[in-house]
């Protein structure tokens, strides 16, 4: 497995499309560590060089949040990954004026409104 965002995201998305596959803790840790290590000054360059992989990762996250069971999302490795992805998104919103608004929107918003509806439906089921 490559230790770059493209290789990691490709592995993540290919494994998560198969049924009953547990993703390796190592894979989650590697993506989490990569997101944690991003310096705000490096953010623009990182996004420019890895835009497609970051979009894939963000869309994967929306899909996981809208479709998967609470059991999956309650695992610490998932929580840590989503927390660091959230921190990345916060930095994208508040600390990156030089990044094009359309690129930001592509990274921050899901591919379809159905994913947001799925998240709200899950929240309603909990209450």
C-alpha atoms as a PDB file:
ATOM      1  CA  UNK A   1       0.000   0.000   0.000  1.00  0.00           C
ATOM      2  CA  UNK A   2       1.341   3.408  -0.909  1.00  0.00           C
ATOM      3  CA  UNK A   3       1.832   5.933   1.855  1.00  0.00           C
ATOM      4  CA  UNK A   4       0.386   8.843  -0.111  1.00  0.00           C
ATOM      5  CA  UNK A   5      -3.148  10.159  -0.087  1.00  0.00           C
ATOM      6  CA  UNK A   6      -3.974   8.782  -3.534  1.00  0.00           C
ATOM      7  CA  UNK A   7      -2.935   5.219  -2.709  1.00  0.00           C
ATOM      8  CA  UNK A   8      -4.548   5.312   0.728  1.00  0.00           C
ATOM      9  CA  UNK A   9      -7.881   6.645  -0.554  1.00  0.00           C
ATOM     10  CA  UNK A  10      -7.926   4.166  -3.443  1.00  0.00           C
ATOM     11  CA  UNK A  11      -7.404   1.329  -0.967  1.00  0.00           C
ATOM     12  CA  UNK A  12     -10.017   2.713   1.425  1.00  0.00           C
ATOM     13  CA  UNK A  13     -12.721   3.098  -1.202  1.00  0.00           C
ATOM     14  CA  UNK A  14     -12.037  -0.242  -2.878  1.00  0.00           C
ATOM     15  CA  UNK A  15     -12.209  -2.126   0.419  1.00  0.00           C
ATOM     16  CA  UNK A  16     -15.337  -0.360   1.624  1.00  0.00           C
ATOM     17  CA  UNK A  17     -17.297  -1.336  -1.480  1.00  0.00           C
ATOM     18  CA  UNK A  18     -16.984  -5.047  -0.729  1.00  0.00           C
ATOM     19  CA  UNK A  19     -19.428  -6.670   1.643  1.00  0.00           C
ATOM     20  CA  UNK A  20     -18.489  -7.371   5.259  1.00  0.00           C
ATOM     21  CA  UNK A  21     -14.895  -6.241   4.828  1.00  0.00           C
ATOM     22  CA  UNK A  22     -13.213  -4.849   7.919  1.00  0.00           C
ATOM     23  CA  UNK A  23     -10.828  -2.099   6.983  1.00  0.00           C
ATOM     24  CA  UNK A  24      -7.394  -2.355   8.435  1.00  0.00           C
ATOM     25  CA  UNK A  25      -6.633  -0.277  11.512  1.00  0.00           C
ATOM     26  CA  UNK A  26      -3.347   0.593   9.831  1.00  0.00           C
ATOM     27  CA  UNK A  27      -5.132   2.173   6.863  1.00  0.00           C
ATOM     28  CA  UNK A  28      -7.268   4.372   9.113  1.00  0.00           C
ATOM     29  CA  UNK A  29      -4.220   5.360  11.149  1.00  0.00           C
ATOM     30  CA  UNK A  30      -2.231   6.279   8.050  1.00  0.00           C
ATOM     31  CA  UNK A  31      -4.988   8.534   6.661  1.00  0.00           C
ATOM     32  CA  UNK A  32      -5.595  10.059  10.098  1.00  0.00           C
ATOM     33  CA  UNK A  33      -1.889  10.777  10.592  1.00  0.00           C
ATOM     34  CA  UNK A  34      -1.620  12.328   7.137  1.00  0.00           C
ATOM     35  CA  UNK A  35      -4.525  14.691   7.874  1.00  0.00           C
ATOM     36  CA  UNK A  36      -3.080  15.595  11.288  1.00  0.00           C
ATOM     37  CA  UNK A  37       0.314  16.474   9.849  1.00  0.00           C
ATOM     38  CA  UNK A  38      -0.992  19.039   7.374  1.00  0.00           C
ATOM     39  CA  UNK A  39       0.369  22.469   8.103  1.00  0.00           C
ATOM     40  CA  UNK A  40      -1.937  25.350   7.214  1.00  0.00           C
ATOM     41  CA  UNK A  41       0.689  26.880   4.898  1.00  0.00           C
ATOM     42  CA  UNK A  42       1.031  23.511   3.164  1.00  0.00           C
ATOM     43  CA  UNK A  43      -2.745  23.115   2.788  1.00  0.00           C
ATOM     44  CA  UNK A  44      -3.041  24.935  -0.559  1.00  0.00           C
ATOM     45  CA  UNK A  45      -0.260  22.898  -2.167  1.00  0.00           C
ATOM     46  CA  UNK A  46      -1.598  19.648  -0.719  1.00  0.00           C
ATOM     47  CA  UNK A  47      -5.118  20.312  -2.018  1.00  0.00           C
ATOM     48  CA  UNK A  48      -3.822  21.354  -5.447  1.00  0.00           C
ATOM     49  CA  UNK A  49      -1.747  18.196  -5.811  1.00  0.00           C
ATOM     50  CA  UNK A  50      -4.309  15.786  -4.322  1.00  0.00           C
ATOM     51  CA  UNK A  51      -7.673  17.316  -5.163  1.00  0.00           C
ATOM     52  CA  UNK A  52      -9.191  14.209  -6.785  1.00  0.00           C
ATOM     53  CA  UNK A  53      -8.150  11.916  -3.924  1.00  0.00           C
ATOM     54  CA  UNK A  54      -9.445  14.373  -1.334  1.00  0.00           C
ATOM     55  CA  UNK A  55     -12.802  14.589  -3.142  1.00  0.00           C
ATOM     56  CA  UNK A  56     -12.977  10.804  -3.152  1.00  0.00           C
ATOM     57  CA  UNK A  57     -12.199  10.678   0.577  1.00  0.00           C
ATOM     58  CA  UNK A  58     -14.788  13.356   1.396  1.00  0.00           C
ATOM     59  CA  UNK A  59     -17.467  11.615  -0.688  1.00  0.00           C
ATOM     60  CA  UNK A  60     -16.602   8.287   0.949  1.00  0.00           C
ATOM     61  CA  UNK A  61     -17.064   9.945   4.367  1.00  0.00           C
ATOM     62  CA  UNK A  62     -20.486  11.342   3.433  1.00  0.00           C
ATOM     63  CA  UNK A  63     -21.521   7.904   2.180  1.00  0.00           C
ATOM     64  CA  UNK A  64     -20.345   6.187   5.380  1.00  0.00           C
ATOM     65  CA  UNK A  65     -22.166   8.720   7.553  1.00  0.00           C
ATOM     66  CA  UNK A  66     -25.412   8.369   5.615  1.00  0.00           C
ATOM     67  CA  UNK A  67     -25.523   4.621   5.025  1.00  0.00           C
ATOM     68  CA  UNK A  68     -23.566   2.628   7.574  1.00  0.00           C
ATOM     69  CA  UNK A  69     -24.712   1.386  10.910  1.00  0.00           C
ATOM     70  CA  UNK A  70     -23.969   3.141  14.155  1.00  0.00           C
ATOM     71  CA  UNK A  71     -21.897   0.114  15.158  1.00  0.00           C
ATOM     72  CA  UNK A  72     -19.390   0.860  12.406  1.00  0.00           C
ATOM     73  CA  UNK A  73     -19.248   4.569  13.156  1.00  0.00           C
ATOM     74  CA  UNK A  74     -18.799   4.016  16.901  1.00  0.00           C
ATOM     75  CA  UNK A  75     -15.427   2.304  16.451  1.00  0.00           C
ATOM     76  CA  UNK A  76     -12.563   4.468  17.688  1.00  0.00           C
ATOM     77  CA  UNK A  77     -10.605   4.228  14.428  1.00  0.00           C
ATOM     78  CA  UNK A  78     -13.584   5.640  12.512  1.00  0.00           C
ATOM     79  CA  UNK A  79     -14.204   8.369  15.071  1.00  0.00           C
ATOM     80  CA  UNK A  80     -10.551   9.437  14.921  1.00  0.00           C
ATOM     81  CA  UNK A  81     -10.563   9.531  11.109  1.00  0.00           C
ATOM     82  CA  UNK A  82     -13.799  11.554  10.974  1.00  0.00           C
ATOM     83  CA  UNK A  83     -12.525  13.918  13.679  1.00  0.00           C
ATOM     84  CA  UNK A  84      -9.353  14.628  11.698  1.00  0.00           C
ATOM     85  CA  UNK A  85     -11.295  14.993   8.470  1.00  0.00           C
ATOM     86  CA  UNK A  86     -13.482  17.536  10.292  1.00  0.00           C
ATOM     87  CA  UNK A  87     -10.374  19.424  11.441  1.00  0.00           C
ATOM     88  CA  UNK A  88      -9.088  19.392   7.856  1.00  0.00           C
ATOM     89  CA  UNK A  89     -12.439  20.813   6.698  1.00  0.00           C
ATOM     90  CA  UNK A  90     -12.368  23.501   9.403  1.00  0.00           C
ATOM     91  CA  UNK A  91      -8.917  24.579   8.188  1.00  0.00           C
ATOM     92  CA  UNK A  92     -10.191  24.509   4.620  1.00  0.00           C
ATOM     93  CA  UNK A  93     -13.062  26.837   5.533  1.00  0.00           C
ATOM     94  CA  UNK A  94     -11.310  29.273   7.864  1.00  0.00           C
ATOM     95  CA  UNK A  95      -7.620  29.252   6.907  1.00  0.00           C
ATOM     96  CA  UNK A  96      -7.406  28.965   3.150  1.00  0.00           C
ATOM     97  CA  UNK A  97      -8.570  32.122   1.416  1.00  0.00           C
ATOM     98  CA  UNK A  98      -6.354  31.373  -1.592  1.00  0.00           C
ATOM     99  CA  UNK A  99      -8.297  28.198  -2.465  1.00  0.00           C
ATOM    100  CA  UNK A 100     -11.048  28.637  -5.047  1.00  0.00           C
ATOM    101  CA  UNK A 101     -14.591  28.601  -3.601  1.00  0.00           C
ATOM    102  CA  UNK A 102     -15.741  25.975  -6.103  1.00  0.00           C
ATOM    103  CA  UNK A 103     -12.928  23.650  -5.038  1.00  0.00           C
ATOM    104  CA  UNK A 104     -13.852  24.186  -1.400  1.00  0.00           C
ATOM    105  CA  UNK A 105     -17.490  23.398  -2.164  1.00  0.00           C
ATOM    106  CA  UNK A 106     -16.493  20.229  -4.021  1.00  0.00           C
ATOM    107  CA  UNK A 107     -14.594  19.070  -0.956  1.00  0.00           C
ATOM    108  CA  UNK A 108     -17.156  20.094   1.659  1.00  0.00           C
ATOM    109  CA  UNK A 109     -20.527  19.168   0.166  1.00  0.00           C
ATOM    110  CA  UNK A 110     -21.802  15.672  -0.688  1.00  0.00           C
ATOM    111  CA  UNK A 111     -22.431  14.454  -4.211  1.00  0.00           C
ATOM    112  CA  UNK A 112     -26.193  14.443  -3.663  1.00  0.00           C
ATOM    113  CA  UNK A 113     -28.803  15.681  -1.227  1.00  0.00           C
ATOM    114  CA  UNK A 114     -29.787  12.035  -0.638  1.00  0.00           C
ATOM    115  CA  UNK A 115     -26.686  11.571   1.503  1.00  0.00           C
ATOM    116  CA  UNK A 116     -27.730  14.430   3.777  1.00  0.00           C
ATOM    117  CA  UNK A 117     -31.273  13.036   3.899  1.00  0.00           C
ATOM    118  CA  UNK A 118     -29.797   9.670   4.922  1.00  0.00           C
ATOM    119  CA  UNK A 119     -27.919  11.275   7.808  1.00  0.00           C
ATOM    120  CA  UNK A 120     -31.056  13.076   9.014  1.00  0.00           C
ATOM    121  CA  UNK A 121     -33.073   9.853   8.730  1.00  0.00           C
ATOM    122  CA  UNK A 122     -30.522   8.048  10.897  1.00  0.00           C
ATOM    123  CA  UNK A 123     -30.637  10.872  13.448  1.00  0.00           C
ATOM    124  CA  UNK A 124     -34.434  10.740  13.503  1.00  0.00           C
ATOM    125  CA  UNK A 125     -34.332   6.961  14.077  1.00  0.00           C
ATOM    126  CA  UNK A 126     -32.064   7.498  17.082  1.00  0.00           C
ATOM    127  CA  UNK A 127     -34.507   9.951  18.665  1.00  0.00           C
END
